[in-house]
Amino acid sequence: MSFITGKIIVAQTQLNNSQTHSASISSVEKFKEYMEKTPQEILFEEFLKRHKLTEEEFMQLSSDEKESLFKKFEDELKQKAGV
């Protein structure tokens, strides 16, 4: 193995280790964010996903559309709770 080939391998290994470390940090941060959410926030995010909406898209809806979705969300919660 030449000196240059050895340097390239070391650089690639360092890059791979850095990417793995960044992915680990990202995963840990995502987990922390998830754990800080209330059960209601988690349920509402799942509700939006089922309706193929992101939180940003939801925020851009008209007041009437938001109110309608909130009503559906409340109805689903009541149904799940058996109320």
PDB file of N, CA and C in Angstrom:
ATOM      1  N   MET A   1       0.854  -1.163   0.000  1.00  0.00           N
ATOM      2  CA  MET A   1       0.000   0.000   0.000  1.00  0.00           C
ATOM      3  C   MET A   1       0.900   1.226   0.000  1.00  0.00           C
ATOM      4  N   SER A   2       0.586   2.160  -0.880  1.00  0.00           N
ATOM      5  CA  SER A   2       1.388   3.373  -0.967  1.00  0.00           C
ATOM      6  C   SER A   2       0.976   4.352   0.129  1.00  0.00           C
ATOM      7  N   PHE A   3       1.806   5.323   0.307  1.00  0.00           N
ATOM      8  CA  PHE A   3       1.550   6.354   1.321  1.00  0.00           C
ATOM      9  C   PHE A   3       0.240   7.081   1.025  1.00  0.00           C
ATOM     10  N   ILE A   4       0.017   7.432  -0.244  1.00  0.00           N
ATOM     11  CA  ILE A   4      -1.197   8.167  -0.630  1.00  0.00           C
ATOM     12  C   ILE A   4      -2.437   7.298  -0.421  1.00  0.00           C
ATOM     13  N   THR A   5      -2.364   6.013  -0.808  1.00  0.00           N
ATOM     14  CA  THR A   5      -3.497   5.119  -0.612  1.00  0.00           C
ATOM     15  C   THR A   5      -3.821   5.009   0.872  1.00  0.00           C
ATOM     16  N   GLY A   6      -2.800   4.930   1.707  1.00  0.00           N
ATOM     17  CA  GLY A   6      -3.003   4.861   3.153  1.00  0.00           C
ATOM     18  C   GLY A   6      -3.681   6.108   3.683  1.00  0.00           C
ATOM     19  N   LYS A   7      -3.277   7.289   3.189  1.00  0.00           N
ATOM     20  CA  LYS A   7      -3.902   8.550   3.610  1.00  0.00           C
ATOM     21  C   LYS A   7      -5.372   8.595   3.186  1.00  0.00           C
ATOM     22  N   ILE A   8      -5.677   8.106   1.981  1.00  0.00           N
ATOM     23  CA  ILE A   8      -7.058   8.096   1.491  1.00  0.00           C
ATOM     24  C   ILE A   8      -7.918   7.188   2.366  1.00  0.00           C
ATOM     25  N   ILE A   9      -7.385   6.028   2.712  1.00  0.00           N
ATOM     26  CA  ILE A   9      -8.134   5.093   3.559  1.00  0.00           C
ATOM     27  C   ILE A   9      -8.387   5.707   4.931  1.00  0.00           C
ATOM     28  N   VAL A  10      -7.392   6.365   5.506  1.00  0.00           N
ATOM     29  CA  VAL A  10      -7.554   7.014   6.807  1.00  0.00           C
ATOM     30  C   VAL A  10      -8.618   8.114   6.711  1.00  0.00           C
ATOM     31  N   ALA A  11      -8.573   8.914   5.650  1.00  0.00           N
ATOM     32  CA  ALA A  11      -9.542   9.991   5.477  1.00  0.00           C
ATOM     33  C   ALA A  11     -10.958   9.433   5.332  1.00  0.00           C
ATOM     34  N   GLN A  12     -11.094   8.345   4.563  1.00  0.00           N
ATOM     35  CA  GLN A  12     -12.413   7.732   4.397  1.00  0.00           C
ATOM     36  C   GLN A  12     -12.931   7.187   5.725  1.00  0.00           C
ATOM     37  N   THR A  13     -12.067   6.564   6.489  1.00  0.00           N
ATOM     38  CA  THR A  13     -12.453   6.020   7.790  1.00  0.00           C
ATOM     39  C   THR A  13     -12.896   7.140   8.725  1.00  0.00           C
ATOM     40  N   GLN A  14     -12.142   8.247   8.736  1.00  0.00           N
ATOM     41  CA  GLN A  14     -12.513   9.381   9.584  1.00  0.00           C
ATOM     42  C   GLN A  14     -13.852   9.961   9.154  1.00  0.00           C
ATOM     43  N   LEU A  15     -14.095  10.054   7.845  1.00  0.00           N
ATOM     44  CA  LEU A  15     -15.362  10.561   7.332  1.00  0.00           C
ATOM     45  C   LEU A  15     -16.504   9.639   7.737  1.00  0.00           C
ATOM     46  N   ASN A  16     -16.315   8.332   7.569  1.00  0.00           N
ATOM     47  CA  ASN A  16     -17.350   7.370   7.962  1.00  0.00           C
ATOM     48  C   ASN A  16     -17.650   7.456   9.447  1.00  0.00           C
ATOM     49  N   ASN A  17     -16.611   7.563  10.271  1.00  0.00           N
ATOM     50  CA  ASN A  17     -16.802   7.681  11.718  1.00  0.00           C
ATOM     51  C   ASN A  17     -17.550   8.963  12.059  1.00  0.00           C
ATOM     52  N   SER A  18     -17.237  10.047  11.373  1.00  0.00           N
ATOM     53  CA  SER A  18     -17.901  11.322  11.603  1.00  0.00           C
ATOM     54  C   SER A  18     -19.376  11.239  11.223  1.00  0.00           C
ATOM     55  N   GLN A  19     -19.675  10.596  10.081  1.00  0.00           N
ATOM     56  CA  GLN A  19     -21.061  10.448   9.643  1.00  0.00           C
ATOM     57  C   GLN A  19     -21.842   9.573  10.607  1.00  0.00           C
ATOM     58  N   THR A  20     -21.220   8.506  11.097  1.00  0.00           N
ATOM     59  CA  THR A  20     -21.879   7.625  12.059  1.00  0.00           C
ATOM     60  C   THR A  20     -22.165   8.383  13.346  1.00  0.00           C
ATOM     61  N   HIS A  21     -21.200   9.178  13.796  1.00  0.00           N
ATOM     62  CA  HIS A  21     -21.379   9.973  15.009  1.00  0.00           C
ATOM     63  C   HIS A  21     -22.509  10.982  14.827  1.00  0.00           C
ATOM     64  N   SER A  22     -22.550  11.652  13.669  1.00  0.00           N
ATOM     65  CA  SER A  22     -23.609  12.619  13.398  1.00  0.00           C
ATOM     66  C   SER A  22     -24.968  11.939  13.376  1.00  0.00           C
ATOM     67  N   ALA A  23     -25.046  10.757  12.795  1.00  0.00           N
ATOM     68  CA  ALA A  23     -26.310  10.018  12.750  1.00  0.00           C
ATOM     69  C   ALA A  23     -26.746   9.642  14.160  1.00  0.00           C
ATOM     70  N   SER A  24     -25.786   9.264  15.011  1.00  0.00           N
ATOM     71  CA  SER A  24     -26.111   8.912  16.391  1.00  0.00           C
ATOM     72  C   SER A  24     -26.638  10.119  17.145  1.00  0.00           C
ATOM     73  N   ILE A  25     -26.003  11.257  16.966  1.00  0.00           N
ATOM     74  CA  ILE A  25     -26.456  12.474  17.631  1.00  0.00           C
ATOM     75  C   ILE A  25     -27.848  12.830  17.141  1.00  0.00           C
ATOM     76  N   SER A  26     -28.050  12.731  15.851  1.00  0.00           N
ATOM     77  CA  SER A  26     -29.352  13.050  15.284  1.00  0.00           C
ATOM     78  C   SER A  26     -30.426  12.140  15.869  1.00  0.00           C
ATOM     79  N   SER A  27     -30.131  10.862  15.983  1.00  0.00           N
ATOM     80  CA  SER A  27     -31.091   9.915  16.544  1.00  0.00           C
ATOM     81  C   SER A  27     -31.379  10.230  18.006  1.00  0.00           C
ATOM     82  N   VAL A  28     -30.367  10.563  18.744  1.00  0.00           N
ATOM     83  CA  VAL A  28     -30.542  10.903  20.161  1.00  0.00           C
ATOM     84  C   VAL A  28     -31.373  12.175  20.288  1.00  0.00           C
ATOM     85  N   GLU A  29     -31.092  13.166  19.453  1.00  0.00           N
ATOM     86  CA  GLU A  29     -31.856  14.412  19.498  1.00  0.00           C
ATOM     87  C   GLU A  29     -33.319  14.166  19.151  1.00  0.00           C
ATOM     88  N   LYS A  30     -33.566  13.344  18.143  1.00  0.00           N
ATOM     89  CA  LYS A  30     -34.940  13.025  17.756  1.00  0.00           C
ATOM     90  C   LYS A  30     -35.663  12.314  18.894  1.00  0.00           C
ATOM     91  N   PHE A  31     -34.972  11.407  19.557  1.00  0.00           N
ATOM     92  CA  PHE A  31     -35.573  10.691  20.680  1.00  0.00           C
ATOM     93  C   PHE A  31     -35.916  11.650  21.815  1.00  0.00           C
ATOM     94  N   LYS A  32     -34.990  12.560  22.124  1.00  0.00           N
ATOM     95  CA  LYS A  32     -35.230  13.528  23.193  1.00  0.00           C
ATOM     96  C   LYS A  32     -36.434  14.406  22.863  1.00  0.00           C
ATOM     97  N   GLU A  33     -36.515  14.864  21.616  1.00  0.00           N
ATOM     98  CA  GLU A  33     -37.645  15.691  21.193  1.00  0.00           C
ATOM     99  C   GLU A  33     -38.953  14.921  21.351  1.00  0.00           C
ATOM    100  N   TYR A  34     -38.938  13.651  20.963  1.00  0.00           N
ATOM    101  CA  TYR A  34     -40.139  12.824  21.069  1.00  0.00           C
ATOM    102  C   TYR A  34     -40.553  12.669  22.529  1.00  0.00           C
ATOM    103  N   MET A  35     -39.599  12.418  23.400  1.00  0.00           N
ATOM    104  CA  MET A  35     -39.897  12.181  24.812  1.00  0.00           C
ATOM    105  C   MET A  35     -40.405  13.446  25.512  1.00  0.00           C
ATOM    106  N   GLU A  36     -40.072  14.617  24.973  1.00  0.00           N
ATOM    107  CA  GLU A  36     -40.526  15.869  25.579  1.00  0.00           C
ATOM    108  C   GLU A  36     -41.963  16.217  25.188  1.00  0.00           C
ATOM    109  N   LYS A  37     -42.515  15.509  24.212  1.00  0.00           N
ATOM    110  CA  LYS A  37     -43.870  15.801  23.748  1.00  0.00           C
ATOM    111  C   LYS A  37     -44.898  15.217  24.710  1.00  0.00           C
ATOM    112  N   THR A  38     -46.032  15.899  24.786  1.00  0.00           N
ATOM    113  CA  THR A  38     -47.131  15.388  25.592  1.00  0.00           C
ATOM    114  C   THR A  38     -47.833  14.274  24.812  1.00  0.00           C
ATOM    115  N   PRO A  39     -48.573  13.417  25.494  1.00  0.00           N
ATOM    116  CA  PRO A  39     -49.331  12.382  24.776  1.00  0.00           C
ATOM    117  C   PRO A  39     -50.284  12.983  23.741  1.00  0.00           C
ATOM    118  N   GLN A  40     -50.872  14.131  24.055  1.00  0.00           N
ATOM    119  CA  GLN A  40     -51.781  14.777  23.118  1.00  0.00           C
ATOM    120  C   GLN A  40     -51.056  15.223  21.849  1.00  0.00           C
ATOM    121  N   GLU A  41     -49.846  15.745  22.009  1.00  0.00           N
ATOM    122  CA  GLU A  41     -49.060  16.162  20.844  1.00  0.00           C
ATOM    123  C   GLU A  41     -48.727  14.971  19.957  1.00  0.00           C
ATOM    124  N   ILE A  42     -48.361  13.871  20.582  1.00  0.00           N
ATOM    125  CA  ILE A  42     -48.021  12.661  19.827  1.00  0.00           C
ATOM    126  C   ILE A  42     -49.241  12.143  19.084  1.00  0.00           C
ATOM    127  N   LEU A  43     -50.385  12.094  19.761  1.00  0.00           N
ATOM    128  CA  LEU A  43     -51.611  11.625  19.124  1.00  0.00           C
ATOM    129  C   LEU A  43     -52.028  12.546  17.978  1.00  0.00           C
ATOM    130  N   PHE A  44     -51.856  13.851  18.162  1.00  0.00           N
ATOM    131  CA  PHE A  44     -52.239  14.783  17.102  1.00  0.00           C
ATOM    132  C   PHE A  44     -51.315  14.643  15.894  1.00  0.00           C
ATOM    133  N   GLU A  45     -50.017  14.434  16.116  1.00  0.00           N
ATOM    134  CA  GLU A  45     -49.084  14.205  15.006  1.00  0.00           C
ATOM    135  C   GLU A  45     -49.475  12.952  14.228  1.00  0.00           C
ATOM    136  N   GLU A  46     -49.841  11.902  14.944  1.00  0.00           N
ATOM    137  CA  GLU A  46     -50.285  10.669  14.282  1.00  0.00           C
ATOM    138  C   GLU A  46     -51.564  10.915  13.491  1.00  0.00           C
ATOM    139  N   PHE A  47     -52.473  11.708  14.054  1.00  0.00           N
ATOM    140  CA  PHE A  47     -53.717  12.075  13.376  1.00  0.00           C
ATOM    141  C   PHE A  47     -53.401  12.810  12.070  1.00  0.00           C
ATOM    142  N   LEU A  48     -52.493  13.781  12.143  1.00  0.00           N
ATOM    143  CA  LEU A  48     -52.125  14.530  10.939  1.00  0.00           C
ATOM    144  C   LEU A  48     -51.505  13.614   9.885  1.00  0.00           C
ATOM    145  N   LYS A  49     -50.670  12.681  10.308  1.00  0.00           N
ATOM    146  CA  LYS A  49     -50.057  11.741   9.360  1.00  0.00           C
ATOM    147  C   LYS A  49     -51.128  10.916   8.659  1.00  0.00           C
ATOM    148  N   ARG A  50     -52.127  10.463   9.414  1.00  0.00           N
ATOM    149  CA  ARG A  50     -53.208   9.680   8.801  1.00  0.00           C
ATOM    150  C   ARG A  50     -53.988  10.501   7.783  1.00  0.00           C
ATOM    151  N   HIS A  51     -53.997  11.814   7.989  1.00  0.00           N
ATOM    152  CA  HIS A  51     -54.682  12.705   7.055  1.00  0.00           C
ATOM    153  C   HIS A  51     -53.713  13.315   6.042  1.00  0.00           C
ATOM    154  N   LYS A  52     -52.514  12.736   5.995  1.00  0.00           N
ATOM    155  CA  LYS A  52     -51.468  13.133   5.050  1.00  0.00           C
ATOM    156  C   LYS A  52     -51.159  14.637   5.097  1.00  0.00           C
ATOM    157  N   LEU A  53     -51.023  15.125   6.333  1.00  0.00           N
ATOM    158  CA  LEU A  53     -50.685  16.527   6.561  1.00  0.00           C
ATOM    159  C   LEU A  53     -49.476  16.637   7.475  1.00  0.00           C
ATOM    160  N   THR A  54     -48.635  17.612   7.197  1.00  0.00           N
ATOM    161  CA  THR A  54     -47.566  17.947   8.130  1.00  0.00           C
ATOM    162  C   THR A  54     -48.096  19.031   9.057  1.00  0.00           C
ATOM    163  N   GLU A  55     -47.370  19.293  10.133  1.00  0.00           N
ATOM    164  CA  GLU A  55     -47.774  20.346  11.054  1.00  0.00           C
ATOM    165  C   GLU A  55     -47.765  21.702  10.339  1.00  0.00           C
ATOM    166  N   GLU A  56     -46.778  21.901   9.461  1.00  0.00           N
ATOM    167  CA  GLU A  56     -46.685  23.147   8.707  1.00  0.00           C
ATOM    168  C   GLU A  56     -47.893  23.313   7.788  1.00  0.00           C
ATOM    169  N   GLU A  57     -48.290  22.238   7.115  1.00  0.00           N
ATOM    170  CA  GLU A  57     -49.451  22.301   6.229  1.00  0.00           C
ATOM    171  C   GLU A  57     -50.725  22.578   7.033  1.00  0.00           C
ATOM    172  N   PHE A  58     -50.825  21.950   8.180  1.00  0.00           N
ATOM    173  CA  PHE A  58     -51.983  22.180   9.037  1.00  0.00           C
ATOM    174  C   PHE A  58     -52.073  23.649   9.431  1.00  0.00           C
ATOM    175  N   MET A  59     -50.947  24.238   9.792  1.00  0.00           N
ATOM    176  CA  MET A  59     -50.934  25.633  10.224  1.00  0.00           C
ATOM    177  C   MET A  59     -51.352  26.583   9.097  1.00  0.00           C
ATOM    178  N   GLN A  60     -51.188  26.176   7.855  1.00  0.00           N
ATOM    179  CA  GLN A  60     -51.545  27.022   6.715  1.00  0.00           C
ATOM    180  C   GLN A  60     -53.018  26.892   6.320  1.00  0.00           C
ATOM    181  N   LEU A  61     -53.747  25.973   6.931  1.00  0.00           N
ATOM    182  CA  LEU A  61     -55.162  25.798   6.627  1.00  0.00           C
ATOM    183  C   LEU A  61     -55.972  26.974   7.155  1.00  0.00           C
ATOM    184  N   SER A  62     -57.142  27.145   6.581  1.00  0.00           N
ATOM    185  CA  SER A  62     -58.037  28.192   7.079  1.00  0.00           C
ATOM    186  C   SER A  62     -58.528  27.825   8.481  1.00  0.00           C
ATOM    187  N   SER A  63     -59.059  28.777   9.174  1.00  0.00           N
ATOM    188  CA  SER A  63     -59.589  28.540  10.527  1.00  0.00           C
ATOM    189  C   SER A  63     -60.688  27.485  10.503  1.00  0.00           C
ATOM    190  N   ASP A  64     -61.547  27.540   9.496  1.00  0.00           N
ATOM    191  CA  ASP A  64     -62.635  26.566   9.389  1.00  0.00           C
ATOM    192  C   ASP A  64     -62.100  25.151   9.176  1.00  0.00           C
ATOM    193  N   GLU A  65     -61.073  25.036   8.331  1.00  0.00           N
ATOM    194  CA  GLU A  65     -60.490  23.713   8.084  1.00  0.00           C
ATOM    195  C   GLU A  65     -59.812  23.171   9.338  1.00  0.00           C
ATOM    196  N   LYS A  66     -59.110  24.036  10.048  1.00  0.00           N
ATOM    197  CA  LYS A  66     -58.464  23.625  11.304  1.00  0.00           C
ATOM    198  C   LYS A  66     -59.517  23.174  12.314  1.00  0.00           C
ATOM    199  N   GLU A  67     -60.573  23.951  12.439  1.00  0.00           N
ATOM    200  CA  GLU A  67     -61.635  23.622  13.384  1.00  0.00           C
ATOM    201  C   GLU A  67     -62.267  22.277  13.035  1.00  0.00           C
ATOM    202  N   SER A  68     -62.479  22.035  11.765  1.00  0.00           N
ATOM    203  CA  SER A  68     -63.050  20.768  11.321  1.00  0.00           C
ATOM    204  C   SER A  68     -62.133  19.598  11.673  1.00  0.00           C
ATOM    205  N   LEU A  69     -60.837  19.775  11.446  1.00  0.00           N
ATOM    206  CA  LEU A  69     -59.884  18.706  11.775  1.00  0.00           C
ATOM    207  C   LEU A  69     -59.795  18.498  13.282  1.00  0.00           C
ATOM    208  N   PHE A  70     -59.815  19.585  14.065  1.00  0.00           N
ATOM    209  CA  PHE A  70     -59.804  19.444  15.524  1.00  0.00           C
ATOM    210  C   PHE A  70     -61.024  18.669  16.002  1.00  0.00           C
ATOM    211  N   LYS A  71     -62.175  18.938  15.387  1.00  0.00           N
ATOM    212  CA  LYS A  71     -63.401  18.223  15.755  1.00  0.00           C
ATOM    213  C   LYS A  71     -63.248  16.728  15.455  1.00  0.00           C
ATOM    214  N   LYS A  72     -62.687  16.398  14.285  1.00  0.00           N
ATOM    215  CA  LYS A  72     -62.456  14.992  13.936  1.00  0.00           C
ATOM    216  C   LYS A  72     -61.491  14.354  14.921  1.00  0.00           C
ATOM    217  N   PHE A  73     -60.464  15.108  15.301  1.00  0.00           N
ATOM    218  CA  PHE A  73     -59.471  14.615  16.254  1.00  0.00           C
ATOM    219  C   PHE A  73     -60.130  14.330  17.602  1.00  0.00           C
ATOM    220  N   GLU A  74     -60.927  15.264  18.078  1.00  0.00           N
ATOM    221  CA  GLU A  74     -61.624  15.066  19.347  1.00  0.00           C
ATOM    222  C   GLU A  74     -62.557  13.861  19.288  1.00  0.00           C
ATOM    223  N   ASP A  75     -63.271  13.707  18.159  1.00  0.00           N
ATOM    224  CA  ASP A  75     -64.175  12.573  18.007  1.00  0.00           C
ATOM    225  C   ASP A  75     -63.415  11.257  18.043  1.00  0.00           C
ATOM    226  N   GLU A  76     -62.245  11.223  17.387  1.00  0.00           N
ATOM    227  CA  GLU A  76     -61.419  10.009  17.408  1.00  0.00           C
ATOM    228  C   GLU A  76     -60.955   9.696  18.828  1.00  0.00           C
ATOM    229  N   LEU A  77     -60.551  10.721  19.573  1.00  0.00           N
ATOM    230  CA  LEU A  77     -60.091  10.504  20.947  1.00  0.00           C
ATOM    231  C   LEU A  77     -61.227   9.959  21.807  1.00  0.00           C
ATOM    232  N   LYS A  78     -62.416  10.533  21.651  1.00  0.00           N
ATOM    233  CA  LYS A  78     -63.566  10.073  22.427  1.00  0.00           C
ATOM    234  C   LYS A  78     -63.897   8.618  22.070  1.00  0.00           C
ATOM    235  N   GLN A  79     -63.810   8.299  20.784  1.00  0.00           N
ATOM    236  CA  GLN A  79     -64.099   6.937  20.336  1.00  0.00           C
ATOM    237  C   GLN A  79     -63.090   5.955  20.922  1.00  0.00           C
ATOM    238  N   LYS A  80     -61.820   6.321  20.907  1.00  0.00           N
ATOM    239  CA  LYS A  80     -60.779   5.455  21.467  1.00  0.00           C
ATOM    240  C   LYS A  80     -60.955   5.278  22.979  1.00  0.00           C
ATOM    241  N   ALA A  81     -61.418   6.344  23.634  1.00  0.00           N
ATOM    242  CA  ALA A  81     -61.602   6.294  25.088  1.00  0.00           C
ATOM    243  C   ALA A  81     -62.915   5.612  25.463  1.00  0.00           C
ATOM    244  N   GLY A  82     -63.752   5.352  24.460  1.00  0.00           N
ATOM    245  CA  GLY A  82     -65.013   4.692  24.723  1.00  0.00           C
ATOM    246  C   GLY A  82     -66.063   5.601  25.323  1.00  0.00           C
ATOM    247  N   VAL A  83     -65.916   6.882  25.068  1.00  0.00           N
ATOM    248  CA  VAL A  83     -66.861   7.880  25.620  1.00  0.00           C
ATOM    249  C   VAL A  83     -68.001   8.074  24.656  1.00  0.00           C
TER     250      VAL A  83
END
